[in-house]
C-alpha atoms as a PDB file:
ATOM      1  CA  MET A   1      11.918  -9.562  16.046  1.00  0.00           C
ATOM      2  CA  GLU A   2      13.467 -10.905  12.829  1.00  0.00           C
ATOM      3  CA  LYS A   3      10.048 -10.777  11.096  1.00  0.00           C
ATOM      4  CA  GLU A   4       9.653  -7.067  11.916  1.00  0.00           C
ATOM      5  CA  LYS A   5      13.150  -6.315  10.626  1.00  0.00           C
ATOM      6  CA  ILE A   6      12.347  -8.012   7.310  1.00  0.00           C
ATOM      7  CA  GLU A   7       9.008  -6.188   7.086  1.00  0.00           C
ATOM      8  CA  ASP A   8      10.669  -2.833   7.823  1.00  0.00           C
ATOM      9  CA  GLU A   9      13.300  -3.452   5.143  1.00  0.00           C
ATOM     10  CA  LEU A  10      10.556  -4.356   2.690  1.00  0.00           C
ATOM     11  CA  THR A  11       8.532  -1.215   3.417  1.00  0.00           C
ATOM     12  CA  TYR A  12      11.693   0.931   3.048  1.00  0.00           C
ATOM     13  CA  ARG A  13      12.300  -0.599  -0.370  1.00  0.00           C
ATOM     14  CA  ILE A  14       8.703   0.040  -1.449  1.00  0.00           C
ATOM     15  CA  ILE A  15       8.894   3.640  -0.190  1.00  0.00           C
ATOM     16  CA  GLY A  16      12.170   4.092  -2.085  1.00  0.00           C
ATOM     17  CA  CYS A  17      10.496   2.942  -5.307  1.00  0.00           C
ATOM     18  CA  SER A  18       7.597   5.306  -4.600  1.00  0.00           C
ATOM     19  CA  MET A  19       9.932   8.241  -3.997  1.00  0.00           C
ATOM     20  CA  LYS A  20      11.614   7.599  -7.341  1.00  0.00           C
ATOM     21  CA  VAL A  21       8.224   7.607  -9.083  1.00  0.00           C
ATOM     22  CA  HIS A  22       7.120  10.814  -7.355  1.00  0.00           C
ATOM     23  CA  GLY A  23      10.481  12.459  -7.986  1.00  0.00           C
ATOM     24  CA  THR A  24      10.229  11.659 -11.681  1.00  0.00           C
ATOM     25  CA  LEU A  25       6.534  12.355 -12.324  1.00  0.00           C
ATOM     26  CA  GLY A  26       5.725  14.873  -9.605  1.00  0.00           C
ATOM     27  CA  ASN A  27       2.098  15.362  -8.626  1.00  0.00           C
ATOM     28  CA  GLY A  28      -0.944  15.972 -10.816  1.00  0.00           C
ATOM     29  CA  PHE A  29      -1.506  12.662 -12.599  1.00  0.00           C
ATOM     30  CA  GLN A  30      -4.311  10.165 -12.110  1.00  0.00           C
ATOM     31  CA  GLU A  31      -3.739   7.277  -9.716  1.00  0.00           C
ATOM     32  CA  VAL A  32      -3.437   4.717 -12.549  1.00  0.00           C
ATOM     33  CA  ILE A  33      -0.358   6.517 -13.932  1.00  0.00           C
ATOM     34  CA  TYR A  34       1.390   6.200 -10.561  1.00  0.00           C
ATOM     35  CA  GLN A  35       0.307   2.549 -10.351  1.00  0.00           C
ATOM     36  CA  ARG A  36       1.910   1.762 -13.694  1.00  0.00           C
ATOM     37  CA  ALA A  37       5.108   3.627 -12.840  1.00  0.00           C
ATOM     38  CA  LEU A  38       5.354   1.988  -9.404  1.00  0.00           C
ATOM     39  CA  ALA A  39       4.949  -1.448 -11.009  1.00  0.00           C
ATOM     40  CA  ILE A  40       8.004  -0.670 -13.164  1.00  0.00           C
ATOM     41  CA  GLU A  41      10.046   0.409 -10.134  1.00  0.00           C
ATOM     42  CA  LEU A  42       9.001  -2.632  -8.071  1.00  0.00           C
ATOM     43  CA  GLU A  43      10.102  -4.884 -10.939  1.00  0.00           C
ATOM     44  CA  LYS A  44      13.453  -3.073 -11.134  1.00  0.00           C
ATOM     45  CA  ALA A  45      13.840  -3.609  -7.373  1.00  0.00           C
ATOM     46  CA  GLN A  46      13.106  -7.324  -7.911  1.00  0.00           C
ATOM     47  CA  LEU A  47      10.133  -7.284  -5.563  1.00  0.00           C
ATOM     48  CA  SER A  48       7.332  -9.720  -6.293  1.00  0.00           C
ATOM     49  CA  PHE A  49       3.890  -8.160  -6.359  1.00  0.00           C
ATOM     50  CA  ALA A  50       0.343  -8.507  -7.556  1.00  0.00           C
ATOM     51  CA  ARG A  51      -1.369  -5.410  -8.928  1.00  0.00           C
ATOM     52  CA  GLU A  52      -5.133  -4.839  -8.814  1.00  0.00           C
ATOM     53  CA  LEU A  53      -5.507  -8.115  -6.946  1.00  0.00           C
ATOM     54  CA  GLU A  54      -9.148  -8.984  -6.304  1.00  0.00           C
ATOM     55  CA  MET A  55      -9.539 -10.033  -2.673  1.00  0.00           C
ATOM     56  CA  PRO A  56     -12.721 -11.206  -0.948  1.00  0.00           C
ATOM     57  CA  ILE A  57     -14.321  -9.273   1.908  1.00  0.00           C
ATOM     58  CA  PHE A  58     -15.943 -11.345   4.668  1.00  0.00           C
ATOM     59  CA  TYR A  59     -18.539 -10.500   7.270  1.00  0.00           C
ATOM     60  CA  ASP A  60     -19.279 -13.070   9.956  1.00  0.00           C
ATOM     61  CA  MET A  61     -17.312 -15.630   7.893  1.00  0.00           C
ATOM     62  CA  ILE A  62     -19.559 -15.021   4.855  1.00  0.00           C
ATOM     63  CA  GLU A  63     -18.128 -13.502   1.687  1.00  0.00           C
ATOM     64  CA  ILE A  64     -20.052 -10.292   1.029  1.00  0.00           C
ATOM     65  CA  GLY A  65     -18.048  -8.832  -1.818  1.00  0.00           C
ATOM     66  CA  SER A  66     -14.573  -8.105  -3.001  1.00  0.00           C
ATOM     67  CA  ARG A  67     -12.146  -5.231  -3.328  1.00  0.00           C
ATOM     68  CA  ARG A  68      -9.124  -4.746  -5.526  1.00  0.00           C
ATOM     69  CA  VAL A  69      -5.898  -4.080  -3.694  1.00  0.00           C
ATOM     70  CA  ASP A  70      -3.632  -1.656  -5.563  1.00  0.00           C
ATOM     71  CA  PHE A  71      -0.578  -3.791  -4.745  1.00  0.00           C
ATOM     72  CA  LEU A  72       0.232  -6.768  -2.568  1.00  0.00           C
ATOM     73  CA  VAL A  73       4.034  -6.881  -2.328  1.00  0.00           C
ATOM     74  CA  GLU A  74       5.856 -10.100  -1.442  1.00  0.00           C
ATOM     75  CA  ASN A  75       2.504 -11.474  -0.190  1.00  0.00           C
ATOM     76  CA  LYS A  76       3.086  -9.386   2.967  1.00  0.00           C
ATOM     77  CA  VAL A  77       2.556  -5.673   2.426  1.00  0.00           C
ATOM     78  CA  LEU A  78      -0.685  -4.097   1.249  1.00  0.00           C
ATOM     79  CA  VAL A  79       0.043  -0.922  -0.724  1.00  0.00           C
ATOM     80  CA  GLU A  80      -2.806   1.487  -1.353  1.00  0.00           C
ATOM     81  CA  LEU A  81      -2.193   4.426  -3.708  1.00  0.00           C
ATOM     82  CA  LYS A  82      -3.929   7.778  -3.756  1.00  0.00           C
ATOM     83  CA  ALA A  83      -3.516  10.845  -5.968  1.00  0.00           C
ATOM     84  CA  LEU A  84      -5.100  13.499  -3.769  1.00  0.00           C
ATOM     85  CA  VAL A  85      -4.137  16.992  -2.665  1.00  0.00           C
ATOM     86  CA  LYS A  86      -4.126  15.735   0.942  1.00  0.00           C
ATOM     87  CA  LEU A  87      -4.746  12.467   2.762  1.00  0.00           C
ATOM     88  CA  GLU A  88      -7.583  12.535   5.266  1.00  0.00           C
ATOM     89  CA  ASP A  89      -8.550  10.349   8.220  1.00  0.00           C
ATOM     90  CA  VAL A  90     -11.045   8.445   6.064  1.00  0.00           C
ATOM     91  CA  HIS A  91      -8.187   7.179   3.843  1.00  0.00           C
ATOM     92  CA  LEU A  92      -6.267   5.966   6.872  1.00  0.00           C
ATOM     93  CA  ALA A  93      -9.379   4.217   8.202  1.00  0.00           C
ATOM     94  CA  GLN A  94      -9.892   2.604   4.797  1.00  0.00           C
ATOM     95  CA  GLY A  95      -6.326   1.273   4.793  1.00  0.00           C
ATOM     96  CA  LEU A  96      -6.697  -0.150   8.299  1.00  0.00           C
ATOM     97  CA  ASN A  97     -10.010  -1.770   7.346  1.00  0.00           C
ATOM     98  CA  TYR A  98      -8.302  -3.443   4.378  1.00  0.00           C
ATOM     99  CA  LEU A  99      -5.612  -4.882   6.665  1.00  0.00           C
ATOM    100  CA  ILE A 100      -8.304  -6.365   8.881  1.00  0.00           C
ATOM    101  CA  ALA A 101     -10.390  -7.671   5.977  1.00  0.00           C
ATOM    102  CA  TYR A 102      -7.407  -9.243   4.199  1.00  0.00           C
ATOM    103  CA  LYS A 103      -5.805 -10.520   7.405  1.00  0.00           C
ATOM    104  CA  LEU A 104      -2.513  -8.730   6.740  1.00  0.00           C
ATOM    105  CA  ASP A 105      -0.233  -7.196   9.379  1.00  0.00           C
ATOM    106  CA  ILE A 106       1.352  -4.323   7.483  1.00  0.00           C
ATOM    107  CA  GLY A 107       0.467  -1.822   4.813  1.00  0.00           C
ATOM    108  CA  LEU A 108       1.457   1.436   3.222  1.00  0.00           C
ATOM    109  CA  LEU A 109      -0.794   4.285   2.183  1.00  0.00           C
ATOM    110  CA  LEU A 110       0.987   6.350  -0.471  1.00  0.00           C
ATOM    111  CA  ASN A 111      -0.310   9.684  -1.750  1.00  0.00           C
ATOM    112  CA  PHE A 112       1.273  10.869  -4.982  1.00  0.00           C
ATOM    113  CA  GLY A 113      -1.067  13.869  -5.347  1.00  0.00           C
ATOM    114  CA  ALA A 114       0.679  16.113  -2.831  1.00  0.00           C
ATOM    115  CA  LYS A 115       3.739  18.219  -3.679  1.00  0.00           C
ATOM    116  CA  SER A 116       5.797  15.818  -1.546  1.00  0.00           C
ATOM    117  CA  LEU A 117       5.054  12.097  -1.438  1.00  0.00           C
ATOM    118  CA  GLU A 118       2.891  11.335   1.606  1.00  0.00           C
ATOM    119  CA  VAL A 119       3.573   8.000   3.291  1.00  0.00           C
ATOM    120  CA  LYS A 120       1.539   6.433   6.075  1.00  0.00           C
ATOM    121  CA  ARG A 121       2.675   3.120   7.536  1.00  0.00           C
ATOM    122  CA  LEU A 122      -0.222   0.941   8.566  1.00  0.00           C
ATOM    123  CA  ARG A 123      -0.243  -1.830  11.160  1.00  0.00           C
ATOM    124  CA  HIS A 124      -3.085  -4.217  11.776  1.00  0.00           C
ATOM    125  CA  PRO A 125      -4.928  -2.725  14.789  1.00  0.00           C
ATOM    126  CA  LEU A 126      -4.636  -5.980  16.736  1.00  0.00           C
ATOM    127  CA  ASN A 127      -0.884  -6.263  16.119  1.00  0.00           C
ATOM    128  CA  LYS A 128       0.762  -5.677  19.510  1.00  0.00           C
ATOM    129  CA  ARG A 129       4.117  -4.454  18.143  1.00  0.00           C
ATOM    130  CA  VAL A 130       5.354  -1.322  19.903  1.00  0.00           C
END
């Protein structure tokens, strides 16, 4: 239970940084602008992160390619940014697939393109947490 509490606190902090970015910039910029601004806010919040981290994708224990993660925060939370008018099911599926591929339990899908910041919390599909 302590692990989930720490993870929840971490995701709240990341969302807070994201809300500050969206509140300052609004919508309408390219994703890279939000990435750069969020990196500044994560640093201010003293959160460790890797940006544009290249991570391998495996199939049947064989590396078949790689994908860059927008952010990996505290080596625990995958953060995927979008700058779209609206998130769709395909974006959620993509985020869940990344959690599986990278063997991570928790992620955030953040859409800065909408008038209000859209936040989707992601849990690894095999994680049994209620």
